[in-house]
Amino acid sequence: MRWQDLIGADPEIMHGATCFLGTRIPVSVVLDNLAAGVDAAEIFAQYPSLPPQSIPAALAYAADLARERVIPISA
C-alpha cells in the first residue's frame, strides 16, 4: 500500500490541507486521534467515510514526514 494512493492535497478542498482522497477529512485529524490513544474502531465510527487502509496510510505519511524529506503530494 502506498499512502500516495489514499492521501493528497487540493487547494480547492479544506484550503489545501492534506486529506484522504475523496473526503474532506484531514490526515492530521486521524493522526491526532491516534496520538490521543483513540482506537481504530472509534476513529472509523466517527468518520465512516474513511477506508480501512486510511490509518496505515496516515502512519506511513507521518513516517515519511518524520524523515524530513520533501514529499510531493498529488493534487
PDB file of N, CA and C in Angstrom:
ATOM      1  N   MET A   1       0.833  -1.172   0.000  1.00  0.00           N
ATOM      2  CA  MET A   1       0.000   0.000   0.000  1.00  0.00           C
ATOM      3  C   MET A   1       0.885   1.245   0.000  1.00  0.00           C
ATOM      4  N   ARG A   2       0.581   2.139  -0.915  1.00  0.00           N
ATOM      5  CA  ARG A   2       1.287   3.422  -0.969  1.00  0.00           C
ATOM      6  C   ARG A   2       0.358   4.494  -0.410  1.00  0.00           C
ATOM      7  N   TRP A   3       0.834   5.268   0.553  1.00  0.00           N
ATOM      8  CA  TRP A   3      -0.022   6.299   1.122  1.00  0.00           C
ATOM      9  C   TRP A   3      -0.423   7.315   0.057  1.00  0.00           C
ATOM     10  N   GLN A   4       0.404   7.490  -0.966  1.00  0.00           N
ATOM     11  CA  GLN A   4       0.109   8.453  -2.029  1.00  0.00           C
ATOM     12  C   GLN A   4      -1.171   8.093  -2.787  1.00  0.00           C
ATOM     13  N   ASP A   5      -1.587   6.831  -2.730  1.00  0.00           N
ATOM     14  CA  ASP A   5      -2.811   6.411  -3.407  1.00  0.00           C
ATOM     15  C   ASP A   5      -4.062   6.781  -2.609  1.00  0.00           C
ATOM     16  N   LEU A   6      -3.885   7.185  -1.349  1.00  0.00           N
ATOM     17  CA  LEU A   6      -5.026   7.490  -0.477  1.00  0.00           C
ATOM     18  C   LEU A   6      -5.029   8.907   0.072  1.00  0.00           C
ATOM     19  N   ILE A   7      -3.910   9.607  -0.073  1.00  0.00           N
ATOM     20  CA  ILE A   7      -3.753  10.928   0.548  1.00  0.00           C
ATOM     21  C   ILE A   7      -3.311  11.932  -0.504  1.00  0.00           C
ATOM     22  N   GLY A   8      -3.883  13.120  -0.430  1.00  0.00           N
ATOM     23  CA  GLY A   8      -3.489  14.170  -1.354  1.00  0.00           C
ATOM     24  C   GLY A   8      -3.881  15.527  -0.814  1.00  0.00           C
ATOM     25  N   ALA A   9      -3.522  16.564  -1.545  1.00  0.00           N
ATOM     26  CA  ALA A   9      -3.861  17.934  -1.170  1.00  0.00           C
ATOM     27  C   ALA A   9      -4.373  18.649  -2.405  1.00  0.00           C
ATOM     28  N   ASP A  10      -5.455  19.377  -2.234  1.00  0.00           N
ATOM     29  CA  ASP A  10      -6.072  20.136  -3.317  1.00  0.00           C
ATOM     30  C   ASP A  10      -6.424  21.503  -2.749  1.00  0.00           C
ATOM     31  N   PRO A  11      -5.929  22.578  -3.364  1.00  0.00           N
ATOM     32  CA  PRO A  11      -6.210  23.906  -2.827  1.00  0.00           C
ATOM     33  C   PRO A  11      -7.710  24.224  -2.761  1.00  0.00           C
ATOM     34  N   GLU A  12      -8.505  23.496  -3.506  1.00  0.00           N
ATOM     35  CA  GLU A  12      -9.957  23.715  -3.509  1.00  0.00           C
ATOM     36  C   GLU A  12     -10.675  22.946  -2.402  1.00  0.00           C
ATOM     37  N   ILE A  13      -9.969  22.067  -1.704  1.00  0.00           N
ATOM     38  CA  ILE A  13     -10.578  21.246  -0.655  1.00  0.00           C
ATOM     39  C   ILE A  13      -9.864  21.529   0.664  1.00  0.00           C
ATOM     40  N   MET A  14     -10.614  21.966   1.655  1.00  0.00           N
ATOM     41  CA  MET A  14     -10.076  22.227   3.002  1.00  0.00           C
ATOM     42  C   MET A  14      -8.850  23.145   2.960  1.00  0.00           C
ATOM     43  N   HIS A  15      -8.885  24.141   2.073  1.00  0.00           N
ATOM     44  CA  HIS A  15      -7.813  25.137   1.954  1.00  0.00           C
ATOM     45  C   HIS A  15      -6.455  24.500   1.685  1.00  0.00           C
ATOM     46  N   GLY A  16      -6.458  23.344   1.012  1.00  0.00           N
ATOM     47  CA  GLY A  16      -5.203  22.696   0.653  1.00  0.00           C
ATOM     48  C   GLY A  16      -4.621  21.784   1.716  1.00  0.00           C
ATOM     49  N   ALA A  17      -5.365  21.570   2.799  1.00  0.00           N
ATOM     50  CA  ALA A  17      -4.872  20.650   3.835  1.00  0.00           C
ATOM     51  C   ALA A  17      -4.738  19.246   3.246  1.00  0.00           C
ATOM     52  N   THR A  18      -3.782  18.499   3.741  1.00  0.00           N
ATOM     53  CA  THR A  18      -3.594  17.131   3.295  1.00  0.00           C
ATOM     54  C   THR A  18      -4.756  16.290   3.825  1.00  0.00           C
ATOM     55  N   CYS A  19      -5.531  15.707   2.887  1.00  0.00           N
ATOM     56  CA  CYS A  19      -6.746  14.961   3.238  1.00  0.00           C
ATOM     57  C   CYS A  19      -6.722  13.578   2.593  1.00  0.00           C
ATOM     58  N   PHE A  20      -7.589  12.730   3.088  1.00  0.00           N
ATOM     59  CA  PHE A  20      -7.804  11.441   2.439  1.00  0.00           C
ATOM     60  C   PHE A  20      -8.588  11.699   1.159  1.00  0.00           C
ATOM     61  N   LEU A  21      -8.121  11.138   0.061  1.00  0.00           N
ATOM     62  CA  LEU A  21      -8.744  11.381  -1.230  1.00  0.00           C
ATOM     63  C   LEU A  21     -10.220  10.996  -1.199  1.00  0.00           C
ATOM     64  N   GLY A  22     -11.033  11.836  -1.817  1.00  0.00           N
ATOM     65  CA  GLY A  22     -12.465  11.593  -1.865  1.00  0.00           C
ATOM     66  C   GLY A  22     -13.200  12.009  -0.611  1.00  0.00           C
ATOM     67  N   THR A  23     -12.473  12.625   0.346  1.00  0.00           N
ATOM     68  CA  THR A  23     -13.096  13.094   1.586  1.00  0.00           C
ATOM     69  C   THR A  23     -12.615  14.512   1.872  1.00  0.00           C
ATOM     70  N   ARG A  24     -13.187  15.089   2.891  1.00  0.00           N
ATOM     71  CA  ARG A  24     -12.713  16.374   3.410  1.00  0.00           C
ATOM     72  C   ARG A  24     -12.098  16.158   4.793  1.00  0.00           C
ATOM     73  N   ILE A  25     -11.624  14.949   5.042  1.00  0.00           N
ATOM     74  CA  ILE A  25     -11.065  14.593   6.346  1.00  0.00           C
ATOM     75  C   ILE A  25      -9.542  14.760   6.294  1.00  0.00           C
ATOM     76  N   PRO A  26      -9.014  15.724   7.048  1.00  0.00           N
ATOM     77  CA  PRO A  26      -7.565  15.913   7.061  1.00  0.00           C
ATOM     78  C   PRO A  26      -6.847  14.729   7.707  1.00  0.00           C
ATOM     79  N   VAL A  27      -5.701  14.405   7.184  1.00  0.00           N
ATOM     80  CA  VAL A  27      -4.878  13.338   7.740  1.00  0.00           C
ATOM     81  C   VAL A  27      -4.516  13.671   9.180  1.00  0.00           C
ATOM     82  N   SER A  28      -4.322  14.935   9.466  1.00  0.00           N
ATOM     83  CA  SER A  28      -3.950  15.338  10.822  1.00  0.00           C
ATOM     84  C   SER A  28      -5.008  14.954  11.848  1.00  0.00           C
ATOM     85  N   VAL A  29      -6.271  14.912  11.459  1.00  0.00           N
ATOM     86  CA  VAL A  29      -7.339  14.521  12.382  1.00  0.00           C
ATOM     87  C   VAL A  29      -7.140  13.073  12.830  1.00  0.00           C
ATOM     88  N   VAL A  30      -6.838  12.200  11.891  1.00  0.00           N
ATOM     89  CA  VAL A  30      -6.613  10.796  12.232  1.00  0.00           C
ATOM     90  C   VAL A  30      -5.348  10.662  13.072  1.00  0.00           C
ATOM     91  N   LEU A  31      -4.293  11.345  12.696  1.00  0.00           N
ATOM     92  CA  LEU A  31      -3.047  11.264  13.468  1.00  0.00           C
ATOM     93  C   LEU A  31      -3.232  11.821  14.875  1.00  0.00           C
ATOM     94  N   ASP A  32      -3.964  12.922  15.008  1.00  0.00           N
ATOM     95  CA  ASP A  32      -4.229  13.483  16.335  1.00  0.00           C
ATOM     96  C   ASP A  32      -5.008  12.492  17.200  1.00  0.00           C
ATOM     97  N   ASN A  33      -6.005  11.846  16.612  1.00  0.00           N
ATOM     98  CA  ASN A  33      -6.780  10.859  17.348  1.00  0.00           C
ATOM     99  C   ASN A  33      -5.917   9.685  17.783  1.00  0.00           C
ATOM    100  N   LEU A  34      -5.087   9.191  16.888  1.00  0.00           N
ATOM    101  CA  LEU A  34      -4.199   8.079  17.246  1.00  0.00           C
ATOM    102  C   LEU A  34      -3.240   8.488  18.363  1.00  0.00           C
ATOM    103  N   ALA A  35      -2.697   9.697  18.265  1.00  0.00           N
ATOM    104  CA  ALA A  35      -1.779  10.184  19.290  1.00  0.00           C
ATOM    105  C   ALA A  35      -2.471  10.319  20.646  1.00  0.00           C
ATOM    106  N   ALA A  36      -3.767  10.583  20.620  1.00  0.00           N
ATOM    107  CA  ALA A  36      -4.537  10.719  21.862  1.00  0.00           C
ATOM    108  C   ALA A  36      -4.987   9.373  22.416  1.00  0.00           C
ATOM    109  N   GLY A  37      -4.641   8.297  21.714  1.00  0.00           N
ATOM    110  CA  GLY A  37      -4.980   6.968  22.197  1.00  0.00           C
ATOM    111  C   GLY A  37      -6.328   6.446  21.748  1.00  0.00           C
ATOM    112  N   VAL A  38      -6.955   7.143  20.811  1.00  0.00           N
ATOM    113  CA  VAL A  38      -8.239   6.680  20.281  1.00  0.00           C
ATOM    114  C   VAL A  38      -7.975   5.455  19.412  1.00  0.00           C
ATOM    115  N   ASP A  39      -8.761   4.400  19.586  1.00  0.00           N
ATOM    116  CA  ASP A  39      -8.521   3.195  18.794  1.00  0.00           C
ATOM    117  C   ASP A  39      -9.177   3.309  17.415  1.00  0.00           C
ATOM    118  N   ALA A  40      -8.741   2.445  16.532  1.00  0.00           N
ATOM    119  CA  ALA A  40      -9.185   2.488  15.133  1.00  0.00           C
ATOM    120  C   ALA A  40     -10.699   2.370  15.012  1.00  0.00           C
ATOM    121  N   ALA A  41     -11.312   1.499  15.801  1.00  0.00           N
ATOM    122  CA  ALA A  41     -12.765   1.312  15.708  1.00  0.00           C
ATOM    123  C   ALA A  41     -13.500   2.609  15.993  1.00  0.00           C
ATOM    124  N   GLU A  42     -13.035   3.362  16.975  1.00  0.00           N
ATOM    125  CA  GLU A  42     -13.692   4.623  17.300  1.00  0.00           C
ATOM    126  C   GLU A  42     -13.470   5.668  16.209  1.00  0.00           C
ATOM    127  N   ILE A  43     -12.272   5.698  15.636  1.00  0.00           N
ATOM    128  CA  ILE A  43     -11.995   6.627  14.543  1.00  0.00           C
ATOM    129  C   ILE A  43     -12.927   6.334  13.370  1.00  0.00           C
ATOM    130  N   PHE A  44     -13.073   5.054  13.023  1.00  0.00           N
ATOM    131  CA  PHE A  44     -13.954   4.699  11.904  1.00  0.00           C
ATOM    132  C   PHE A  44     -15.415   4.975  12.235  1.00  0.00           C
ATOM    133  N   ALA A  45     -15.792   4.877  13.497  1.00  0.00           N
ATOM    134  CA  ALA A  45     -17.166   5.209  13.899  1.00  0.00           C
ATOM    135  C   ALA A  45     -17.408   6.716  13.753  1.00  0.00           C
ATOM    136  N   GLN A  46     -16.404   7.517  14.082  1.00  0.00           N
ATOM    137  CA  GLN A  46     -16.519   8.973  13.965  1.00  0.00           C
ATOM    138  C   GLN A  46     -16.463   9.439  12.513  1.00  0.00           C
ATOM    139  N   TYR A  47     -15.723   8.720  11.694  1.00  0.00           N
ATOM    140  CA  TYR A  47     -15.514   9.100  10.287  1.00  0.00           C
ATOM    141  C   TYR A  47     -15.795   7.898   9.396  1.00  0.00           C
ATOM    142  N   PRO A  48     -17.065   7.547   9.218  1.00  0.00           N
ATOM    143  CA  PRO A  48     -17.406   6.320   8.491  1.00  0.00           C
ATOM    144  C   PRO A  48     -17.016   6.325   7.008  1.00  0.00           C
ATOM    145  N   SER A  49     -16.706   7.482   6.451  1.00  0.00           N
ATOM    146  CA  SER A  49     -16.304   7.512   5.039  1.00  0.00           C
ATOM    147  C   SER A  49     -14.841   7.138   4.831  1.00  0.00           C
ATOM    148  N   LEU A  50     -14.085   6.966   5.918  1.00  0.00           N
ATOM    149  CA  LEU A  50     -12.679   6.571   5.776  1.00  0.00           C
ATOM    150  C   LEU A  50     -12.571   5.113   5.366  1.00  0.00           C
ATOM    151  N   PRO A  51     -11.736   4.828   4.377  1.00  0.00           N
ATOM    152  CA  PRO A  51     -11.498   3.415   4.033  1.00  0.00           C
ATOM    153  C   PRO A  51     -10.626   2.755   5.089  1.00  0.00           C
ATOM    154  N   PRO A  52     -10.684   1.434   5.203  1.00  0.00           N
ATOM    155  CA  PRO A  52      -9.886   0.732   6.226  1.00  0.00           C
ATOM    156  C   PRO A  52      -8.382   0.996   6.127  1.00  0.00           C
ATOM    157  N   GLN A  53      -7.900   1.280   4.933  1.00  0.00           N
ATOM    158  CA  GLN A  53      -6.457   1.499   4.739  1.00  0.00           C
ATOM    159  C   GLN A  53      -6.013   2.894   5.176  1.00  0.00           C
ATOM    160  N   SER A  54      -6.946   3.735   5.611  1.00  0.00           N
ATOM    161  CA  SER A  54      -6.595   5.122   5.915  1.00  0.00           C
ATOM    162  C   SER A  54      -5.647   5.243   7.107  1.00  0.00           C
ATOM    163  N   ILE A  55      -5.796   4.411   8.117  1.00  0.00           N
ATOM    164  CA  ILE A  55      -4.909   4.525   9.280  1.00  0.00           C
ATOM    165  C   ILE A  55      -3.480   4.115   8.927  1.00  0.00           C
ATOM    166  N   PRO A  56      -3.268   2.970   8.279  1.00  0.00           N
ATOM    167  CA  PRO A  56      -1.892   2.672   7.861  1.00  0.00           C
ATOM    168  C   PRO A  56      -1.331   3.727   6.901  1.00  0.00           C
ATOM    169  N   ALA A  57      -2.170   4.278   6.033  1.00  0.00           N
ATOM    170  CA  ALA A  57      -1.704   5.319   5.110  1.00  0.00           C
ATOM    171  C   ALA A  57      -1.287   6.563   5.883  1.00  0.00           C
ATOM    172  N   ALA A  58      -2.070   6.955   6.876  1.00  0.00           N
ATOM    173  CA  ALA A  58      -1.731   8.126   7.692  1.00  0.00           C
ATOM    174  C   ALA A  58      -0.417   7.919   8.425  1.00  0.00           C
ATOM    175  N   LEU A  59      -0.220   6.733   8.964  1.00  0.00           N
ATOM    176  CA  LEU A  59       1.025   6.439   9.677  1.00  0.00           C
ATOM    177  C   LEU A  59       2.226   6.427   8.729  1.00  0.00           C
ATOM    178  N   ALA A  60       2.038   5.884   7.544  1.00  0.00           N
ATOM    179  CA  ALA A  60       3.124   5.872   6.558  1.00  0.00           C
ATOM    180  C   ALA A  60       3.455   7.296   6.112  1.00  0.00           C
ATOM    181  N   TYR A  61       2.431   8.120   5.935  1.00  0.00           N
ATOM    182  CA  TYR A  61       2.633   9.528   5.578  1.00  0.00           C
ATOM    183  C   TYR A  61       3.419  10.240   6.684  1.00  0.00           C
ATOM    184  N   ALA A  62       3.009  10.037   7.936  1.00  0.00           N
ATOM    185  CA  ALA A  62       3.705  10.663   9.064  1.00  0.00           C
ATOM    186  C   ALA A  62       5.150  10.180   9.156  1.00  0.00           C
ATOM    187  N   ALA A  63       5.383   8.901   8.906  1.00  0.00           N
ATOM    188  CA  ALA A  63       6.752   8.367   8.939  1.00  0.00           C
ATOM    189  C   ALA A  63       7.610   9.033   7.875  1.00  0.00           C
ATOM    190  N   ASP A  64       7.055   9.237   6.680  1.00  0.00           N
ATOM    191  CA  ASP A  64       7.808   9.925   5.630  1.00  0.00           C
ATOM    192  C   ASP A  64       8.110  11.367   6.045  1.00  0.00           C
ATOM    193  N   LEU A  65       7.141  12.043   6.638  1.00  0.00           N
ATOM    194  CA  LEU A  65       7.386  13.417   7.088  1.00  0.00           C
ATOM    195  C   LEU A  65       8.457  13.467   8.168  1.00  0.00           C
ATOM    196  N   ALA A  66       8.486  12.470   9.025  1.00  0.00           N
ATOM    197  CA  ALA A  66       9.463  12.442  10.111  1.00  0.00           C
ATOM    198  C   ALA A  66      10.888  12.279   9.588  1.00  0.00           C
ATOM    199  N   ARG A  67      11.006  11.785   8.386  1.00  0.00           N
ATOM    200  CA  ARG A  67      12.338  11.636   7.793  1.00  0.00           C
ATOM    201  C   ARG A  67      12.848  12.963   7.236  1.00  0.00           C
ATOM    202  N   GLU A  68      12.041  14.006   7.337  1.00  0.00           N
ATOM    203  CA  GLU A  68      12.400  15.359   6.933  1.00  0.00           C
ATOM    204  C   GLU A  68      12.826  15.459   5.480  1.00  0.00           C
ATOM    205  N   ARG A  69      12.086  14.774   4.627  1.00  0.00           N
ATOM    206  CA  ARG A  69      12.333  14.876   3.198  1.00  0.00           C
ATOM    207  C   ARG A  69      11.237  15.753   2.592  1.00  0.00           C
ATOM    208  N   VAL A  70      11.469  16.238   1.400  1.00  0.00           N
ATOM    209  CA  VAL A  70      10.418  16.908   0.655  1.00  0.00           C
ATOM    210  C   VAL A  70       9.558  15.820   0.028  1.00  0.00           C
ATOM    211  N   ILE A  71       8.265  15.854   0.302  1.00  0.00           N
ATOM    212  CA  ILE A  71       7.362  14.814  -0.163  1.00  0.00           C
ATOM    213  C   ILE A  71       6.358  15.427  -1.128  1.00  0.00           C
ATOM    214  N   PRO A  72       6.399  15.039  -2.392  1.00  0.00           N
ATOM    215  CA  PRO A  72       5.397  15.560  -3.319  1.00  0.00           C
ATOM    216  C   PRO A  72       4.036  14.955  -3.024  1.00  0.00           C
ATOM    217  N   ILE A  73       3.006  15.789  -3.073  1.00  0.00           N
ATOM    218  CA  ILE A  73       1.635  15.356  -2.848  1.00  0.00           C
ATOM    219  C   ILE A  73       0.849  15.688  -4.096  1.00  0.00           C
ATOM    220  N   SER A  74       0.185  14.672  -4.640  1.00  0.00           N
ATOM    221  CA  SER A  74      -0.569  14.897  -5.870  1.00  0.00           C
ATOM    222  C   SER A  74      -1.785  15.774  -5.586  1.00  0.00           C
ATOM    223  N   ALA A  75      -2.161  16.535  -6.586  1.00  0.00           N
ATOM    224  CA  ALA A  75      -3.337  17.417  -6.448  1.00  0.00           C
ATOM    225  C   ALA A  75      -4.564  16.716  -6.969  1.00  0.00           C
TER     226      ALA A  75
END
